[in-house]
Amino acid sequence: MSQKVLLTSKEVNIILHRLACQLIEKHLDFSNTVLIGIQPRGTFLAERIKELLEKEYDVKNIELGYLDITFFRDDFRRTDKPLEANRTQIDFLTENKKVIFIDDVLYTGRSIRAALTAIQSFGRPAEIELLVLIDRRFSRHLPIQPDYRGRQVDAINNEKVLVSWATQDGEDGVYLITN
């Protein structure tokens, strides 16, 4: 197994600032916009984006939720191992709000399709956007594209993109893993 560094901690930080600025350009004060981190790994990115917006760019009252999509996936019955669901925590309605889904890696698009179904339980959003740190552009199974992307990566199917977060894994970084 080999590992190649795609993004260093410094590069991840630069990208996070750029993504935060793009969100501000489009949503200004976030009064009608909510952030939804897709469980499990999208929550770390969502928390970092929210923290940047509040501390570095002085945006106030950003609503952040976490969405578990485990039982909304089209492949959840296709595995022999027991599923471990994560916790959905959305303490607000999404009715007529602008929802920004946040995930670390966009791969096949199936997670986002599941999130589109799952979010309907919390109201009918006015619009939904997608922010991802890594877009694996040649791996899509569904016609889903990000509105905000940190970096596009060309990875073939036996390669895996691993995102590490300082709060969870000890350091920020993105790696390409080859088996």
Protein backbone atom coordinates (compact mmCIF):
# COMPACT_ATOMS: atom_id res chain seq x y z
CA MET A 1 0.00 0.00 0.00
CA SER A 2 1.44 3.37 -0.98
CA GLN A 3 0.43 6.84 0.12
CA LYS A 4 0.88 10.12 -1.75
CA VAL A 5 0.26 13.55 -0.22
CA LEU A 6 -2.32 15.47 -2.28
CA LEU A 7 -2.76 18.41 0.09
CA THR A 8 -0.62 19.51 3.03
CA SER A 9 -2.02 21.13 6.15
CA LYS A 10 -1.15 24.59 4.77
CA GLU A 11 -2.88 23.86 1.46
CA VAL A 12 -6.01 22.56 3.25
CA ASN A 13 -6.12 25.78 5.29
CA ILE A 14 -5.84 27.95 2.16
CA ILE A 15 -8.62 25.97 0.47
CA LEU A 16 -10.89 26.26 3.53
CA HIS A 17 -10.48 30.05 3.50
CA ARG A 18 -11.27 30.17 -0.24
CA LEU A 19 -14.40 28.04 0.25
CA ALA A 20 -15.54 30.27 3.14
CA CYS A 21 -15.08 33.38 0.97
CA GLN A 22 -17.06 31.80 -1.87
CA LEU A 23 -19.91 31.08 0.55
CA ILE A 24 -19.87 34.67 1.82
CA GLU A 25 -20.00 35.99 -1.77
CA LYS A 26 -23.14 33.98 -2.44
CA HIS A 27 -24.92 34.02 0.95
CA LEU A 28 -23.72 37.28 2.60
CA ASP A 29 -25.10 37.17 6.18
CA PHE A 30 -26.41 33.55 6.15
CA SER A 31 -29.77 34.71 7.57
CA ASN A 32 -31.64 32.27 5.30
CA THR A 33 -28.84 29.70 4.83
CA VAL A 34 -28.03 26.58 6.84
CA LEU A 35 -25.02 24.27 6.74
CA ILE A 36 -25.58 20.50 6.84
CA GLY A 37 -22.57 18.22 7.38
CA ILE A 38 -23.11 14.76 5.94
CA GLN A 39 -22.22 12.07 8.48
CA PRO A 40 -19.66 10.89 9.22
CA ARG A 41 -16.72 12.75 7.62
CA GLY A 42 -18.55 15.78 6.24
CA THR A 43 -19.21 16.97 9.77
CA PHE A 44 -15.53 17.77 10.38
CA LEU A 45 -15.41 19.95 7.26
CA ALA A 46 -18.74 21.62 8.15
CA GLU A 47 -17.48 22.48 11.64
CA ARG A 48 -14.27 23.97 10.23
CA ILE A 49 -16.15 26.05 7.66
CA LYS A 50 -18.54 27.34 10.33
CA GLU A 51 -15.64 28.17 12.65
CA LEU A 52 -13.84 30.07 9.88
CA LEU A 53 -16.94 32.03 8.93
CA GLU A 54 -17.60 33.04 12.53
CA LYS A 55 -14.07 33.75 13.77
CA GLU A 56 -12.23 34.96 10.68
CA TYR A 57 -15.03 36.61 8.71
CA ASP A 58 -17.35 37.71 11.54
CA VAL A 59 -20.48 35.97 10.22
CA LYS A 60 -22.94 35.48 13.09
CA ASN A 61 -25.69 32.97 13.89
CA ILE A 62 -24.82 30.24 11.39
CA GLU A 63 -27.05 27.22 11.80
CA LEU A 64 -25.22 23.89 11.51
CA GLY A 65 -26.73 20.44 11.44
CA TYR A 66 -25.52 16.88 10.90
CA LEU A 67 -27.36 14.48 8.61
CA ASP A 68 -27.05 10.69 8.77
CA ILE A 69 -27.82 9.06 5.43
CA THR A 70 -27.13 5.42 6.34
CA PHE A 71 -30.65 4.08 5.75
CA PHE A 72 -31.34 6.34 2.77
CA ARG A 73 -28.50 4.88 0.69
CA ASP A 74 -29.47 2.64 -2.22
CA ASP A 75 -26.81 0.08 -1.22
CA PHE A 76 -27.43 -0.22 2.53
CA ARG A 77 -28.89 -3.73 2.22
CA ARG A 78 -26.04 -5.00 0.06
CA THR A 79 -23.53 -5.73 2.79
CA ASP A 80 -23.11 -8.60 5.20
CA LYS A 81 -21.68 -6.51 8.01
CA PRO A 82 -24.07 -4.73 10.39
CA LEU A 83 -24.57 -1.05 9.67
CA GLU A 84 -23.59 1.56 12.20
CA ALA A 85 -25.75 4.62 11.88
CA ASN A 86 -24.55 8.03 12.97
CA ARG A 87 -26.65 10.64 14.69
CA THR A 88 -28.74 13.14 12.78
CA GLN A 89 -28.82 16.44 14.61
CA ILE A 90 -30.82 19.14 12.89
CA ASP A 91 -32.45 21.47 15.41
CA PHE A 92 -34.12 23.71 12.83
CA LEU A 93 -36.51 23.48 9.90
CA THR A 94 -35.12 23.64 6.39
CA GLU A 95 -38.43 24.88 4.97
CA ASN A 96 -37.68 27.65 2.42
CA LYS A 97 -34.03 27.81 3.53
CA LYS A 98 -30.94 27.64 1.39
CA VAL A 99 -29.25 24.40 2.41
CA ILE A 100 -25.56 23.77 1.83
CA PHE A 101 -24.61 20.09 2.03
CA ILE A 102 -21.00 19.66 3.11
CA ASP A 103 -18.96 16.48 2.58
CA ASP A 104 -15.26 15.73 2.47
CA VAL A 105 -15.08 13.68 -0.76
CA LEU A 106 -17.51 13.51 -3.68
CA TYR A 107 -17.02 10.09 -5.23
CA THR A 108 -19.95 8.27 -6.90
CA GLY A 109 -22.64 10.79 -5.90
CA ARG A 110 -24.70 8.15 -4.07
CA SER A 111 -24.22 9.79 -0.66
CA ILE A 112 -25.53 13.08 -2.00
CA ARG A 113 -28.52 11.35 -3.60
CA ALA A 114 -29.28 9.80 -0.21
CA ALA A 115 -28.89 13.19 1.50
CA LEU A 116 -31.36 14.76 -0.93
CA THR A 117 -33.92 12.18 0.14
CA ALA A 118 -33.12 12.37 3.86
CA ILE A 119 -33.33 16.17 4.10
CA GLN A 120 -36.99 16.15 3.02
CA SER A 121 -37.91 15.03 6.56
CA PHE A 122 -36.93 18.49 7.82
CA GLY A 123 -38.89 20.62 5.39
CA ARG A 124 -38.69 21.64 1.75
CA PRO A 125 -35.58 23.75 1.15
CA ALA A 126 -35.73 26.70 -1.24
CA GLU A 127 -32.51 25.42 -2.79
CA ILE A 128 -29.70 22.98 -2.07
CA GLU A 129 -26.02 23.45 -2.84
CA LEU A 130 -23.06 21.12 -2.42
CA LEU A 131 -19.64 21.97 -0.98
CA VAL A 132 -16.88 19.34 -1.03
CA LEU A 133 -13.20 19.44 -0.21
CA ILE A 134 -12.28 16.81 -2.83
CA ASP A 135 -14.09 16.08 -6.09
CA ARG A 136 -13.16 12.71 -7.64
CA ARG A 137 -14.48 13.75 -11.03
CA PHE A 138 -14.05 10.52 -13.03
CA SER A 139 -15.86 8.26 -10.54
CA ARG A 140 -19.42 9.56 -10.69
CA HIS A 141 -22.34 7.12 -11.00
CA LEU A 142 -24.99 9.85 -10.82
CA PRO A 143 -25.21 13.30 -12.46
CA ILE A 144 -24.21 15.23 -9.33
CA GLN A 145 -21.65 18.06 -9.33
CA PRO A 146 -20.44 20.31 -6.51
CA ASP A 147 -21.23 24.02 -6.39
CA TYR A 148 -18.08 24.62 -4.32
CA ARG A 149 -15.02 22.38 -4.57
CA GLY A 150 -11.68 22.57 -2.87
CA ARG A 151 -9.69 20.44 -5.31
CA GLN A 152 -10.42 18.11 -8.20
CA VAL A 153 -8.61 14.79 -8.04
CA ASP A 154 -8.21 12.24 -10.79
CA ALA A 155 -8.15 8.92 -8.96
CA ILE A 156 -8.83 5.57 -10.56
CA ASN A 157 -11.07 3.01 -8.90
CA ASN A 158 -8.44 1.09 -6.91
CA GLU A 159 -7.17 4.34 -5.39
CA LYS A 160 -8.74 5.87 -2.31
CA VAL A 161 -8.73 9.50 -1.19
CA LEU A 162 -8.27 9.90 2.56
CA VAL A 163 -8.95 13.22 4.28
CA SER A 164 -7.37 13.72 7.70
CA TRP A 165 -8.53 16.41 10.14
CA ALA A 166 -6.45 17.83 12.98
CA THR A 167 -9.33 17.49 15.45
CA GLN A 168 -9.88 13.83 14.61
CA ASP A 169 -6.65 12.45 13.13
CA GLY A 170 -3.96 14.74 14.56
CA GLU A 171 -3.24 16.74 11.39
CA ASP A 172 -4.94 18.22 8.35
CA GLY A 173 -4.06 16.60 5.06
CA VAL A 174 -5.37 14.75 2.01
CA TYR A 175 -3.75 11.55 0.79
CA LEU A 176 -4.10 9.26 -2.21
CA ILE A 177 -3.89 5.64 -1.07
CA THR A 178 -3.09 2.88 -3.55
CA ASN A 179 -3.56 -0.76 -2.57
